[in-house]
PDB file of N, CA and C in Angstrom:
ATOM      1  N   MET A   1     -85.894 -91.498   5.331  1.00  0.00           N
ATOM      2  CA  MET A   1     -87.183 -91.148   5.768  1.00  0.00           C
ATOM      3  C   MET A   1     -87.742 -92.288   6.643  1.00  0.00           C
ATOM      4  N   LEU A   2     -88.299 -91.940   7.787  1.00  0.00           N
ATOM      5  CA  LEU A   2     -88.918 -92.939   8.650  1.00  0.00           C
ATOM      6  C   LEU A   2     -90.382 -93.063   8.286  1.00  0.00           C
ATOM      7  N   THR A   3     -90.811 -94.346   8.238  1.00  0.00           N
ATOM      8  CA  THR A   3     -92.225 -94.656   8.000  1.00  0.00           C
ATOM      9  C   THR A   3     -92.653 -95.707   9.008  1.00  0.00           C
ATOM     10  N   HIS A   4     -93.946 -95.694   9.277  1.00  0.00           N
ATOM     11  CA  HIS A   4     -94.471 -96.743  10.202  1.00  0.00           C
ATOM     12  C   HIS A   4     -94.477 -98.110   9.537  1.00  0.00           C
ATOM     13  N   TYR A   5     -94.213 -99.124  10.339  1.00  0.00           N
ATOM     14  CA  TYR A   5     -94.289-100.529   9.937  1.00  0.00           C
ATOM     15  C   TYR A   5     -95.682-100.832   9.409  1.00  0.00           C
ATOM     16  N   ARG A   6     -95.682-101.596   8.321  1.00  0.00           N
ATOM     17  CA  ARG A   6     -96.958-102.137   7.847  1.00  0.00           C
ATOM     18  C   ARG A   6     -96.800-103.650   7.708  1.00  0.00           C
ATOM     19  N   LYS A   7     -97.859-104.369   8.054  1.00  0.00           N
ATOM     20  CA  LYS A   7     -97.784-105.799   8.132  1.00  0.00           C
ATOM     21  C   LYS A   7     -97.398-106.442   6.817  1.00  0.00           C
ATOM     22  N   GLU A   8     -97.733-105.853   5.645  1.00  0.00           N
ATOM     23  CA  GLU A   8     -97.306-106.405   4.346  1.00  0.00           C
ATOM     24  C   GLU A   8     -95.790-106.386   4.137  1.00  0.00           C
ATOM     25  N   ASN A   9     -95.074-105.668   5.011  1.00  0.00           N
ATOM     26  CA  ASN A   9     -93.633-105.599   4.941  1.00  0.00           C
ATOM     27  C   ASN A   9     -92.981-106.416   6.065  1.00  0.00           C
ATOM     28  N   ARG A  10     -93.714-107.438   6.521  1.00  0.00           N
ATOM     29  CA  ARG A  10     -93.222-108.271   7.640  1.00  0.00           C
ATOM     30  C   ARG A  10     -91.885-108.966   7.312  1.00  0.00           C
ATOM     31  N   LYS A  11     -91.720-109.508   6.123  1.00  0.00           N
ATOM     32  CA  LYS A  11     -90.521-110.210   5.796  1.00  0.00           C
ATOM     33  C   LYS A  11     -89.329-109.247   5.682  1.00  0.00           C
ATOM     34  N   ILE A  12     -89.531-108.017   5.218  1.00  0.00           N
ATOM     35  CA  ILE A  12     -88.486-107.018   5.176  1.00  0.00           C
ATOM     36  C   ILE A  12     -88.029-106.743   6.612  1.00  0.00           C
ATOM     37  N   ALA A  13     -89.025-106.540   7.508  1.00  0.00           N
ATOM     38  CA  ALA A  13     -88.703-106.284   8.895  1.00  0.00           C
ATOM     39  C   ALA A  13     -87.894-107.419   9.530  1.00  0.00           C
ATOM     40  N   MET A  14     -88.333-108.632   9.261  1.00  0.00           N
ATOM     41  CA  MET A  14     -87.622-109.773   9.791  1.00  0.00           C
ATOM     42  C   MET A  14     -86.185-109.854   9.259  1.00  0.00           C
ATOM     43  N   GLY A  15     -86.034-109.576   7.950  1.00  0.00           N
ATOM     44  CA  GLY A  15     -84.729-109.590   7.366  1.00  0.00           C
ATOM     45  C   GLY A  15     -83.789-108.586   8.015  1.00  0.00           C
ATOM     46  N   LEU A  16     -84.306-107.360   8.229  1.00  0.00           N
ATOM     47  CA  LEU A  16     -83.488-106.313   8.846  1.00  0.00           C
ATOM     48  C   LEU A  16     -83.184-106.644  10.287  1.00  0.00           C
ATOM     49  N   LEU A  17     -84.192-107.175  11.014  1.00  0.00           N
ATOM     50  CA  LEU A  17     -83.951-107.519  12.446  1.00  0.00           C
ATOM     51  C   LEU A  17     -82.992-108.670  12.579  1.00  0.00           C
ATOM     52  N   SER A  18     -82.869-109.514  11.529  1.00  0.00           N
ATOM     53  CA  SER A  18     -81.942-110.620  11.623  1.00  0.00           C
ATOM     54  C   SER A  18     -80.468-110.163  11.655  1.00  0.00           C
ATOM     55  N   PHE A  19     -80.175-108.925  11.315  1.00  0.00           N
ATOM     56  CA  PHE A  19     -78.849-108.405  11.434  1.00  0.00           C
ATOM     57  C   PHE A  19     -78.576-108.010  12.872  1.00  0.00           C
ATOM     58  N   HIS A  20     -79.560-107.976  13.724  1.00  0.00           N
ATOM     59  CA  HIS A  20     -79.444-107.613  15.124  1.00  0.00           C
ATOM     60  C   HIS A  20     -78.792-108.809  15.874  1.00  0.00           C
ATOM     61  N   LYS A  21     -77.751-108.525  16.656  1.00  0.00           N
ATOM     62  CA  LYS A  21     -77.013-109.580  17.345  1.00  0.00           C
ATOM     63  C   LYS A  21     -77.867-110.436  18.246  1.00  0.00           C
ATOM     64  N   LYS A  22     -78.908-109.889  18.876  1.00  0.00           N
ATOM     65  CA  LYS A  22     -79.637-110.691  19.865  1.00  0.00           C
ATOM     66  C   LYS A  22     -80.709-111.557  19.175  1.00  0.00           C
ATOM     67  N   LEU A  23     -81.006-111.294  17.885  1.00  0.00           N
ATOM     68  CA  LEU A  23     -82.071-112.029  17.218  1.00  0.00           C
ATOM     69  C   LEU A  23     -81.442-112.887  16.117  1.00  0.00           C
ATOM     70  N   THR A  24     -81.185-114.115  16.469  1.00  0.00           N
ATOM     71  CA  THR A  24     -80.467-114.991  15.490  1.00  0.00           C
ATOM     72  C   THR A  24     -81.344-115.995  14.875  1.00  0.00           C
ATOM     73  N   GLY A  25     -82.253-116.609  15.666  1.00  0.00           N
ATOM     74  CA  GLY A  25     -83.093-117.697  15.132  1.00  0.00           C
ATOM     75  C   GLY A  25     -84.408-117.220  14.585  1.00  0.00           C
ATOM     76  N   LYS A  26     -85.051-117.992  13.708  1.00  0.00           N
ATOM     77  CA  LYS A  26     -86.270-117.598  13.096  1.00  0.00           C
ATOM     78  C   LYS A  26     -87.392-117.415  14.140  1.00  0.00           C
ATOM     79  N   SER A  27     -87.391-118.290  15.172  1.00  0.00           N
ATOM     80  CA  SER A  27     -88.410-118.175  16.201  1.00  0.00           C
ATOM     81  C   SER A  27     -88.273-116.902  16.988  1.00  0.00           C
ATOM     82  N   SER A  28     -87.032-116.462  17.257  1.00  0.00           N
ATOM     83  CA  SER A  28     -86.887-115.216  18.045  1.00  0.00           C
ATOM     84  C   SER A  28     -87.310-114.007  17.176  1.00  0.00           C
ATOM     85  N   LEU A  29     -87.025-114.095  15.821  1.00  0.00           N
ATOM     86  CA  LEU A  29     -87.448-113.026  14.917  1.00  0.00           C
ATOM     87  C   LEU A  29     -88.974-112.951  14.851  1.00  0.00           C
ATOM     88  N   LEU A  30     -89.680-114.104  14.749  1.00  0.00           N
ATOM     89  CA  LEU A  30     -91.113-114.091  14.689  1.00  0.00           C
ATOM     90  C   LEU A  30     -91.687-113.556  15.994  1.00  0.00           C
ATOM     91  N   LYS A  31     -91.119-113.954  17.125  1.00  0.00           N
ATOM     92  CA  LYS A  31     -91.570-113.452  18.405  1.00  0.00           C
ATOM     93  C   LYS A  31     -91.437-111.929  18.530  1.00  0.00           C
ATOM     94  N   GLU A  32     -90.323-111.406  18.036  1.00  0.00           N
ATOM     95  CA  GLU A  32     -90.036-110.002  18.059  1.00  0.00           C
ATOM     96  C   GLU A  32     -91.049-109.196  17.165  1.00  0.00           C
ATOM     97  N   ILE A  33     -91.320-109.683  15.975  1.00  0.00           N
ATOM     98  CA  ILE A  33     -92.251-109.095  15.073  1.00  0.00           C
ATOM     99  C   ILE A  33     -93.677-109.126  15.689  1.00  0.00           C
ATOM    100  N   ASP A  34     -94.009-110.277  16.261  1.00  0.00           N
ATOM    101  CA  ASP A  34     -95.317-110.437  16.906  1.00  0.00           C
ATOM    102  C   ASP A  34     -95.515-109.449  18.024  1.00  0.00           C
ATOM    103  N   THR A  35     -94.435-109.152  18.759  1.00  0.00           N
ATOM    104  CA  THR A  35     -94.468-108.163  19.823  1.00  0.00           C
ATOM    105  C   THR A  35     -94.843-106.819  19.256  1.00  0.00           C
ATOM    106  N   TYR A  36     -94.156-106.414  18.189  1.00  0.00           N
ATOM    107  CA  TYR A  36     -94.501-105.101  17.617  1.00  0.00           C
ATOM    108  C   TYR A  36     -95.871-105.044  17.026  1.00  0.00           C
ATOM    109  N   GLU A  37     -96.421-106.121  16.531  1.00  0.00           N
ATOM    110  CA  GLU A  37     -97.717-106.162  15.926  1.00  0.00           C
ATOM    111  C   GLU A  37     -98.799-106.181  17.012  1.00  0.00           C
ATOM    112  N   ALA A  38     -98.568-106.834  18.101  1.00  0.00           N
ATOM    113  CA  ALA A  38     -99.690-107.113  19.052  1.00  0.00           C
ATOM    114  C   ALA A  38     -99.590-106.365  20.392  1.00  0.00           C
ATOM    115  N   GLU A  39     -98.392-106.046  20.880  1.00  0.00           N
ATOM    116  CA  GLU A  39     -98.261-105.533  22.237  1.00  0.00           C
ATOM    117  C   GLU A  39     -98.497-104.044  22.281  1.00  0.00           C
ATOM    118  N   GLU A  40     -99.222-103.620  23.238  1.00  0.00           N
ATOM    119  CA  GLU A  40     -99.513-102.208  23.504  1.00  0.00           C
ATOM    120  C   GLU A  40     -98.151-101.441  23.782  1.00  0.00           C
ATOM    121  N   GLY A  41     -97.961-100.337  23.109  1.00  0.00           N
ATOM    122  CA  GLY A  41     -96.762 -99.520  23.420  1.00  0.00           C
ATOM    123  C   GLY A  41     -95.573 -99.800  22.552  1.00  0.00           C
ATOM    124  N   TYR A  42     -95.593-100.870  21.802  1.00  0.00           N
ATOM    125  CA  TYR A  42     -94.465-101.185  20.879  1.00  0.00           C
ATOM    126  C   TYR A  42     -94.745-100.670  19.502  1.00  0.00           C
ATOM    127  N   GLU A  43     -93.744-100.092  18.850  1.00  0.00           N
ATOM    128  CA  GLU A  43     -93.945 -99.520  17.546  1.00  0.00           C
ATOM    129  C   GLU A  43     -92.630 -99.729  16.734  1.00  0.00           C
ATOM    130  N   LEU A  44     -92.792-100.068  15.452  1.00  0.00           N
ATOM    131  CA  LEU A  44     -91.682-100.318  14.575  1.00  0.00           C
ATOM    132  C   LEU A  44     -91.711 -99.337  13.418  1.00  0.00           C
ATOM    133  N   PHE A  45     -90.521 -98.768  13.090  1.00  0.00           N
ATOM    134  CA  PHE A  45     -90.407 -97.834  12.001  1.00  0.00           C
ATOM    135  C   PHE A  45     -89.423 -98.382  10.993  1.00  0.00           C
ATOM    136  N   PHE A  46     -89.694 -98.147   9.718  1.00  0.00           N
ATOM    137  CA  PHE A  46     -88.754 -98.431   8.626  1.00  0.00           C
ATOM    138  C   PHE A  46     -87.988 -97.181   8.284  1.00  0.00           C
ATOM    139  N   PHE A  47     -86.752 -97.382   7.768  1.00  0.00           N
ATOM    140  CA  PHE A  47     -85.933 -96.254   7.305  1.00  0.00           C
ATOM    141  C   PHE A  47     -85.569 -96.496   5.864  1.00  0.00           C
ATOM    142  N   THR A  48     -85.906 -95.507   5.050  1.00  0.00           N
ATOM    143  CA  THR A  48     -85.531 -95.494   3.587  1.00  0.00           C
ATOM    144  C   THR A  48     -84.560 -94.324   3.407  1.00  0.00           C
ATOM    145  N   PRO A  49     -83.308 -94.547   3.074  1.00  0.00           N
ATOM    146  CA  PRO A  49     -82.407 -93.418   2.849  1.00  0.00           C
ATOM    147  C   PRO A  49     -82.869 -92.472   1.721  1.00  0.00           C
ATOM    148  N   GLU A  50     -82.506 -91.215   1.850  1.00  0.00           N
ATOM    149  CA  GLU A  50     -82.826 -90.242   0.837  1.00  0.00           C
ATOM    150  C   GLU A  50     -82.232 -90.682  -0.528  1.00  0.00           C
ATOM    151  N   GLY A  51     -83.029 -90.574  -1.528  1.00  0.00           N
ATOM    152  CA  GLY A  51     -82.577 -90.969  -2.899  1.00  0.00           C
ATOM    153  C   GLY A  51     -82.762 -92.461  -3.174  1.00  0.00           C
ATOM    154  N   SER A  52     -83.305 -93.225  -2.209  1.00  0.00           N
ATOM    155  CA  SER A  52     -83.505 -94.629  -2.401  1.00  0.00           C
ATOM    156  C   SER A  52     -84.995 -94.965  -2.316  1.00  0.00           C
ATOM    157  N   THR A  53     -85.367 -96.112  -2.871  1.00  0.00           N
ATOM    158  CA  THR A  53     -86.756 -96.558  -2.775  1.00  0.00           C
ATOM    159  C   THR A  53     -86.831 -97.802  -1.929  1.00  0.00           C
ATOM    160  N   ASN A  54     -85.692 -98.254  -1.444  1.00  0.00           N
ATOM    161  CA  ASN A  54     -85.705 -99.529  -0.633  1.00  0.00           C
ATOM    162  C   ASN A  54     -85.504 -99.260   0.822  1.00  0.00           C
ATOM    163  N   ILE A  55     -86.239 -99.999   1.628  1.00  0.00           N
ATOM    164  CA  ILE A  55     -86.082 -99.949   3.063  1.00  0.00           C
ATOM    165  C   ILE A  55     -84.785-100.520   3.444  1.00  0.00           C
ATOM    166  N   GLN A  56     -83.928 -99.776   4.266  1.00  0.00           N
ATOM    167  CA  GLN A  56     -82.590-100.233   4.564  1.00  0.00           C
ATOM    168  C   GLN A  56     -82.359-100.346   6.075  1.00  0.00           C
ATOM    169  N   GLY A  57     -83.336 -99.890   6.890  1.00  0.00           N
ATOM    170  CA  GLY A  57     -83.159 -99.963   8.346  1.00  0.00           C
ATOM    171  C   GLY A  57     -84.484-100.062   9.045  1.00  0.00           C
ATOM    172  N   VAL A  58     -84.353-100.358  10.322  1.00  0.00           N
ATOM    173  CA  VAL A  58     -85.543-100.495  11.177  1.00  0.00           C
ATOM    174  C   VAL A  58     -85.196-100.045  12.563  1.00  0.00           C
ATOM    175  N   ILE A  59     -86.143 -99.334  13.206  1.00  0.00           N
ATOM    176  CA  ILE A  59     -86.036 -98.965  14.606  1.00  0.00           C
ATOM    177  C   ILE A  59     -87.295 -99.422  15.306  1.00  0.00           C
ATOM    178  N   GLY A  60     -87.147-100.169  16.392  1.00  0.00           N
ATOM    179  CA  GLY A  60     -88.268-100.559  17.225  1.00  0.00           C
ATOM    180  C   GLY A  60     -88.180 -99.854  18.536  1.00  0.00           C
ATOM    181  N   VAL A  61     -89.351 -99.311  18.919  1.00  0.00           N
ATOM    182  CA  VAL A  61     -89.401 -98.455  20.173  1.00  0.00           C
ATOM    183  C   VAL A  61     -90.537 -99.034  21.049  1.00  0.00           C
ATOM    184  N   TYR A  62     -90.362 -98.715  22.326  1.00  0.00           N
ATOM    185  CA  TYR A  62     -91.392 -99.021  23.351  1.00  0.00           C
ATOM    186  C   TYR A  62     -91.675 -97.704  24.029  1.00  0.00           C
ATOM    187  N   TRP A  63     -92.950 -97.337  24.086  1.00  0.00           N
ATOM    188  CA  TRP A  63     -93.365 -96.077  24.712  1.00  0.00           C
ATOM    189  C   TRP A  63     -93.564 -96.306  26.199  1.00  0.00           C
ATOM    190  N   LEU A  64     -92.692 -95.713  27.000  1.00  0.00           N
ATOM    191  CA  LEU A  64     -92.849 -95.773  28.481  1.00  0.00           C
ATOM    192  C   LEU A  64     -94.014 -94.879  28.938  1.00  0.00           C
ATOM    193  N   ALA A  65     -94.089 -93.735  28.317  1.00  0.00           N
ATOM    194  CA  ALA A  65     -95.108 -92.745  28.571  1.00  0.00           C
ATOM    195  C   ALA A  65     -95.281 -91.870  27.329  1.00  0.00           C
ATOM    196  N   ASP A  66     -96.166 -90.900  27.345  1.00  0.00           N
ATOM    197  CA  ASP A  66     -96.332 -90.046  26.186  1.00  0.00           C
ATOM    198  C   ASP A  66     -95.131 -89.270  25.867  1.00  0.00           C
ATOM    199  N   ASP A  67     -94.218 -89.036  26.849  1.00  0.00           N
ATOM    200  CA  ASP A  67     -93.067 -88.206  26.610  1.00  0.00           C
ATOM    201  C   ASP A  67     -91.751 -88.981  26.767  1.00  0.00           C
ATOM    202  N   GLN A  68     -91.831 -90.335  26.767  1.00  0.00           N
ATOM    203  CA  GLN A  68     -90.603 -91.132  26.896  1.00  0.00           C
ATOM    204  C   GLN A  68     -90.717 -92.358  26.023  1.00  0.00           C
ATOM    205  N   LEU A  69     -89.696 -92.632  25.262  1.00  0.00           N
ATOM    206  CA  LEU A  69     -89.663 -93.891  24.496  1.00  0.00           C
ATOM    207  C   LEU A  69     -88.303 -94.519  24.681  1.00  0.00           C
ATOM    208  N   VAL A  70     -88.284 -95.842  24.517  1.00  0.00           N
ATOM    209  CA  VAL A  70     -87.065 -96.663  24.656  1.00  0.00           C
ATOM    210  C   VAL A  70     -86.738 -97.262  23.322  1.00  0.00           C
ATOM    211  N   ILE A  71     -85.492 -97.082  22.866  1.00  0.00           N
ATOM    212  CA  ILE A  71     -85.079 -97.711  21.631  1.00  0.00           C
ATOM    213  C   ILE A  71     -84.857 -99.189  21.983  1.00  0.00           C
ATOM    214  N   HIS A  72     -85.751-100.024  21.476  1.00  0.00           N
ATOM    215  CA  HIS A  72     -85.732-101.428  21.769  1.00  0.00           C
ATOM    216  C   HIS A  72     -84.850-102.206  20.771  1.00  0.00           C
ATOM    217  N   ASP A  73     -84.983-101.884  19.506  1.00  0.00           N
ATOM    218  CA  ASP A  73     -84.184-102.455  18.429  1.00  0.00           C
ATOM    219  C   ASP A  73     -83.749-101.390  17.462  1.00  0.00           C
ATOM    220  N   ILE A  74     -82.553-101.540  16.934  1.00  0.00           N
ATOM    221  CA  ILE A  74     -82.131-100.694  15.813  1.00  0.00           C
ATOM    222  C   ILE A  74     -81.218-101.576  14.917  1.00  0.00           C
ATOM    223  N   SER A  75     -81.547-101.598  13.643  1.00  0.00           N
ATOM    224  CA  SER A  75     -80.837-102.512  12.748  1.00  0.00           C
ATOM    225  C   SER A  75     -80.831-101.848  11.382  1.00  0.00           C
ATOM    226  N   LEU A  76     -79.649-102.025  10.724  1.00  0.00           N
ATOM    227  CA  LEU A  76     -79.408-101.436   9.454  1.00  0.00           C
ATOM    228  C   LEU A  76     -78.754-102.422   8.512  1.00  0.00           C
ATOM    229  N   ASN A  77     -79.182-102.381   7.253  1.00  0.00           N
ATOM    230  CA  ASN A  77     -78.545-103.225   6.207  1.00  0.00           C
ATOM    231  C   ASN A  77     -77.019-103.045   6.320  1.00  0.00           C
ATOM    232  N   PRO A  78     -76.263-104.136   6.426  1.00  0.00           N
ATOM    233  CA  PRO A  78     -74.832-104.039   6.539  1.00  0.00           C
ATOM    234  C   PRO A  78     -74.141-103.213   5.426  1.00  0.00           C
ATOM    235  N   SER A  79     -74.729-103.160   4.269  1.00  0.00           N
ATOM    236  CA  SER A  79     -74.165-102.370   3.180  1.00  0.00           C
ATOM    237  C   SER A  79     -74.107-100.913   3.508  1.00  0.00           C
ATOM    238  N   TYR A  80     -74.941-100.471   4.411  1.00  0.00           N
ATOM    239  CA  TYR A  80     -75.021 -99.033   4.765  1.00  0.00           C
ATOM    240  C   TYR A  80     -74.289 -98.675   6.055  1.00  0.00           C
ATOM    241  N   ARG A  81     -73.715 -99.617   6.696  1.00  0.00           N
ATOM    242  CA  ARG A  81     -72.993 -99.341   7.973  1.00  0.00           C
ATOM    243  C   ARG A  81     -71.771 -98.552   7.734  1.00  0.00           C
ATOM    244  N   GLY A  82     -71.410 -97.692   8.638  1.00  0.00           N
ATOM    245  CA  GLY A  82     -70.249 -96.827   8.505  1.00  0.00           C
ATOM    246  C   GLY A  82     -70.562 -95.536   7.765  1.00  0.00           C
ATOM    247  N   GLU A  83     -71.813 -95.335   7.398  1.00  0.00           N
ATOM    248  CA  GLU A  83     -72.226 -94.106   6.643  1.00  0.00           C
ATOM    249  C   GLU A  83     -73.112 -93.206   7.511  1.00  0.00           C
ATOM    250  N   ASN A  84     -73.140 -93.445   8.769  1.00  0.00           N
ATOM    251  CA  ASN A  84     -73.934 -92.671   9.725  1.00  0.00           C
ATOM    252  C   ASN A  84     -75.448 -92.762   9.499  1.00  0.00           C
ATOM    253  N   MET A  85     -75.869 -93.788   8.766  1.00  0.00           N
ATOM    254  CA  MET A  85     -77.294 -93.960   8.564  1.00  0.00           C
ATOM    255  C   MET A  85     -78.028 -94.300   9.843  1.00  0.00           C
ATOM    256  N   GLY A  86     -77.432 -95.035  10.726  1.00  0.00           N
ATOM    257  CA  GLY A  86     -78.059 -95.386  11.982  1.00  0.00           C
ATOM    258  C   GLY A  86     -78.304 -94.125  12.802  1.00  0.00           C
ATOM    259  N   PHE A  87     -77.342 -93.229  12.797  1.00  0.00           N
ATOM    260  CA  PHE A  87     -77.483 -91.905  13.483  1.00  0.00           C
ATOM    261  C   PHE A  87     -78.561 -91.072  12.794  1.00  0.00           C
ATOM    262  N   GLN A  88     -78.627 -91.183  11.450  1.00  0.00           N
ATOM    263  CA  GLN A  88     -79.640 -90.446  10.740  1.00  0.00           C
ATOM    264  C   GLN A  88     -81.051 -90.965  11.094  1.00  0.00           C
ATOM    265  N   MET A  89     -81.166 -92.285  11.323  1.00  0.00           N
ATOM    266  CA  MET A  89     -82.453 -92.820  11.713  1.00  0.00           C
ATOM    267  C   MET A  89     -82.876 -92.234  13.084  1.00  0.00           C
ATOM    268  N   LEU A  90     -81.899 -92.158  13.991  1.00  0.00           N
ATOM    269  CA  LEU A  90     -82.187 -91.596  15.322  1.00  0.00           C
ATOM    270  C   LEU A  90     -82.499 -90.108  15.221  1.00  0.00           C
ATOM    271  N   ASP A  91     -81.782 -89.395  14.381  1.00  0.00           N
ATOM    272  CA  ASP A  91     -82.037 -87.954  14.138  1.00  0.00           C
ATOM    273  C   ASP A  91     -83.498 -87.776  13.678  1.00  0.00           C
ATOM    274  N   GLU A  92     -83.917 -88.596  12.723  1.00  0.00           N
ATOM    275  CA  GLU A  92     -85.274 -88.438  12.187  1.00  0.00           C
ATOM    276  C   GLU A  92     -86.321 -88.846  13.229  1.00  0.00           C
ATOM    277  N   LEU A  93     -86.027 -89.840  14.058  1.00  0.00           N
ATOM    278  CA  LEU A  93     -86.940 -90.172  15.122  1.00  0.00           C
ATOM    279  C   LEU A  93     -87.144 -88.995  16.108  1.00  0.00           C
ATOM    280  N   LYS A  94     -86.000 -88.331  16.441  1.00  0.00           N
ATOM    281  CA  LYS A  94     -86.066 -87.178  17.318  1.00  0.00           C
ATOM    282  C   LYS A  94     -86.812 -86.015  16.686  1.00  0.00           C
ATOM    283  N   GLU A  95     -86.633 -85.858  15.380  1.00  0.00           N
ATOM    284  CA  GLU A  95     -87.347 -84.785  14.655  1.00  0.00           C
ATOM    285  C   GLU A  95     -88.829 -85.107  14.651  1.00  0.00           C
ATOM    286  N   LYS A  96     -89.214 -86.345  14.518  1.00  0.00           N
ATOM    287  CA  LYS A  96     -90.568 -86.762  14.515  1.00  0.00           C
ATOM    288  C   LYS A  96     -91.224 -86.536  15.858  1.00  0.00           C
ATOM    289  N   TYR A  97     -90.465 -86.749  16.967  1.00  0.00           N
ATOM    290  CA  TYR A  97     -91.000 -86.647  18.325  1.00  0.00           C
ATOM    291  C   TYR A  97     -90.044 -85.697  19.114  1.00  0.00           C
ATOM    292  N   PRO A  98     -90.016 -84.394  18.822  1.00  0.00           N
ATOM    293  CA  PRO A  98     -89.033 -83.502  19.449  1.00  0.00           C
ATOM    294  C   PRO A  98     -89.190 -83.345  20.952  1.00  0.00           C
ATOM    295  N   GLU A  99     -90.393 -83.525  21.489  1.00  0.00           N
ATOM    296  CA  GLU A  99     -90.594 -83.344  22.891  1.00  0.00           C
ATOM    297  C   GLU A  99     -90.436 -84.609  23.729  1.00  0.00           C
ATOM    298  N   VAL A 100     -90.080 -85.701  23.041  1.00  0.00           N
ATOM    299  CA  VAL A 100     -89.959 -87.006  23.681  1.00  0.00           C
ATOM    300  C   VAL A 100     -88.530 -87.308  24.129  1.00  0.00           C
ATOM    301  N   SER A 101     -88.376 -87.796  25.292  1.00  0.00           N
ATOM    302  CA  SER A 101     -87.068 -88.221  25.819  1.00  0.00           C
ATOM    303  C   SER A 101     -86.798 -89.629  25.227  1.00  0.00           C
ATOM    304  N   ILE A 102     -85.662 -89.813  24.608  1.00  0.00           N
ATOM    305  CA  ILE A 102     -85.248 -91.109  24.057  1.00  0.00           C
ATOM    306  C   ILE A 102     -84.308 -91.811  25.007  1.00  0.00           C
ATOM    307  N   ARG A 103     -84.715 -93.054  25.353  1.00  0.00           N
ATOM    308  CA  ARG A 103     -83.850 -93.865  26.227  1.00  0.00           C
ATOM    309  C   ARG A 103     -83.449 -95.160  25.519  1.00  0.00           C
ATOM    310  N   ALA A 104     -82.648 -95.942  26.191  1.00  0.00           N
ATOM    311  CA  ALA A 104     -82.111 -97.170  25.612  1.00  0.00           C
ATOM    312  C   ALA A 104     -82.331 -98.332  26.503  1.00  0.00           C
ATOM    313  N   THR A 105     -82.254 -99.542  25.903  1.00  0.00           N
ATOM    314  CA  THR A 105     -82.199-100.773  26.692  1.00  0.00           C
ATOM    315  C   THR A 105     -80.709-101.022  26.929  1.00  0.00           C
ATOM    316  N   GLU A 106     -80.435-102.059  27.736  1.00  0.00           N
ATOM    317  CA  GLU A 106     -79.021-102.424  27.952  1.00  0.00           C
ATOM    318  C   GLU A 106     -78.306-102.716  26.633  1.00  0.00           C
ATOM    319  N   ILE A 107     -79.001-103.309  25.711  1.00  0.00           N
ATOM    320  CA  ILE A 107     -78.403-103.677  24.416  1.00  0.00           C
ATOM    321  C   ILE A 107     -78.229-102.493  23.539  1.00  0.00           C
ATOM    322  N   THR A 108     -79.205-101.555  23.470  1.00  0.00           N
ATOM    323  CA  THR A 108     -79.060-100.451  22.545  1.00  0.00           C
ATOM    324  C   THR A 108     -78.363 -99.232  23.204  1.00  0.00           C
ATOM    325  N   GLU A 109     -78.024 -99.285  24.466  1.00  0.00           N
ATOM    326  CA  GLU A 109     -77.350 -98.144  25.164  1.00  0.00           C
ATOM    327  C   GLU A 109     -76.013 -97.777  24.564  1.00  0.00           C
ATOM    328  N   PRO A 110     -75.115 -98.667  24.194  1.00  0.00           N
ATOM    329  CA  PRO A 110     -73.847 -98.206  23.648  1.00  0.00           C
ATOM    330  C   PRO A 110     -74.000 -97.432  22.359  1.00  0.00           C
ATOM    331  N   TYR A 111     -74.915 -97.828  21.514  1.00  0.00           N
ATOM    332  CA  TYR A 111     -75.155 -97.162  20.219  1.00  0.00           C
ATOM    333  C   TYR A 111     -75.820 -95.819  20.470  1.00  0.00           C
ATOM    334  N   LEU A 112     -76.768 -95.756  21.368  1.00  0.00           N
ATOM    335  CA  LEU A 112     -77.475 -94.514  21.676  1.00  0.00           C
ATOM    336  C   LEU A 112     -76.529 -93.523  22.314  1.00  0.00           C
ATOM    337  N   SER A 113     -75.561 -93.987  23.129  1.00  0.00           N
ATOM    338  CA  SER A 113     -74.591 -93.178  23.783  1.00  0.00           C
ATOM    339  C   SER A 113     -73.672 -92.511  22.723  1.00  0.00           C
ATOM    340  N   LYS A 114     -73.301 -93.284  21.676  1.00  0.00           N
ATOM    341  CA  LYS A 114     -72.456 -92.747  20.574  1.00  0.00           C
ATOM    342  C   LYS A 114     -73.218 -91.613  19.846  1.00  0.00           C
ATOM    343  N   TRP A 115     -74.520 -91.813  19.636  1.00  0.00           N
ATOM    344  CA  TRP A 115     -75.356 -90.864  18.903  1.00  0.00           C
ATOM    345  C   TRP A 115     -75.426 -89.558  19.780  1.00  0.00           C
ATOM    346  N   ILE A 116     -75.645 -89.684  21.053  1.00  0.00           N
ATOM    347  CA  ILE A 116     -75.753 -88.532  21.939  1.00  0.00           C
ATOM    348  C   ILE A 116     -74.423 -87.797  21.966  1.00  0.00           C
ATOM    349  N   ALA A 117     -73.323 -88.516  22.091  1.00  0.00           N
ATOM    350  CA  ALA A 117     -71.987 -87.887  22.073  1.00  0.00           C
ATOM    351  C   ALA A 117     -71.726 -87.133  20.752  1.00  0.00           C
ATOM    352  N   LYS A 118     -72.138 -87.681  19.670  1.00  0.00           N
ATOM    353  CA  LYS A 118     -71.948 -87.000  18.373  1.00  0.00           C
ATOM    354  C   LYS A 118     -72.827 -85.740  18.270  1.00  0.00           C
ATOM    355  N   LYS A 119     -74.065 -85.846  18.788  1.00  0.00           N
ATOM    356  CA  LYS A 119     -74.982 -84.696  18.817  1.00  0.00           C
ATOM    357  C   LYS A 119     -74.361 -83.571  19.668  1.00  0.00           C
ATOM    358  N   ASN A 120     -73.810 -83.948  20.839  1.00  0.00           N
ATOM    359  CA  ASN A 120     -73.227 -82.974  21.741  1.00  0.00           C
ATOM    360  C   ASN A 120     -72.018 -82.274  21.154  1.00  0.00           C
ATOM    361  N   LYS A 121     -71.249 -82.977  20.336  1.00  0.00           N
ATOM    362  CA  LYS A 121     -70.085 -82.372  19.665  1.00  0.00           C
ATOM    363  C   LYS A 121     -70.509 -81.326  18.663  1.00  0.00           C
ATOM    364  N   LYS A 122     -71.630 -81.564  18.018  1.00  0.00           N
ATOM    365  CA  LYS A 122     -72.106 -80.601  16.987  1.00  0.00           C
ATOM    366  C   LYS A 122     -72.597 -79.311  17.669  1.00  0.00           C
ATOM    367  N   GLU A 123     -73.116 -79.425  18.866  1.00  0.00           N
ATOM    368  CA  GLU A 123     -73.654 -78.220  19.596  1.00  0.00           C
ATOM    369  C   GLU A 123     -72.599 -77.491  20.215  1.00  0.00           C
TER     370      GLU A 123
END
């Protein structure tokens, strides 16, 4: 289940974002969290798998327009990798915003392309 980021869960968000390859140092993590908290158009979502009470993933988006968003960050607890949880996070984001076009940054593009290819195989 996707839920909106809340400031009281800042340390959880930083922990999950620390698994992201581009965010290695504490200062870069703090800067990233500050961006989601303060900058217009940036939004962070937590992911809690079905049957769990613990947050295990995070998706950060940037709204280009009302009908377009960019996947800025996507990170998942390594214990859940290989279980399609990342794709499930993207599926839930698309369900939440069905009319919105989802795009990627240079960094998130390879993962988003895999998700799109998997979706296209199902159809």
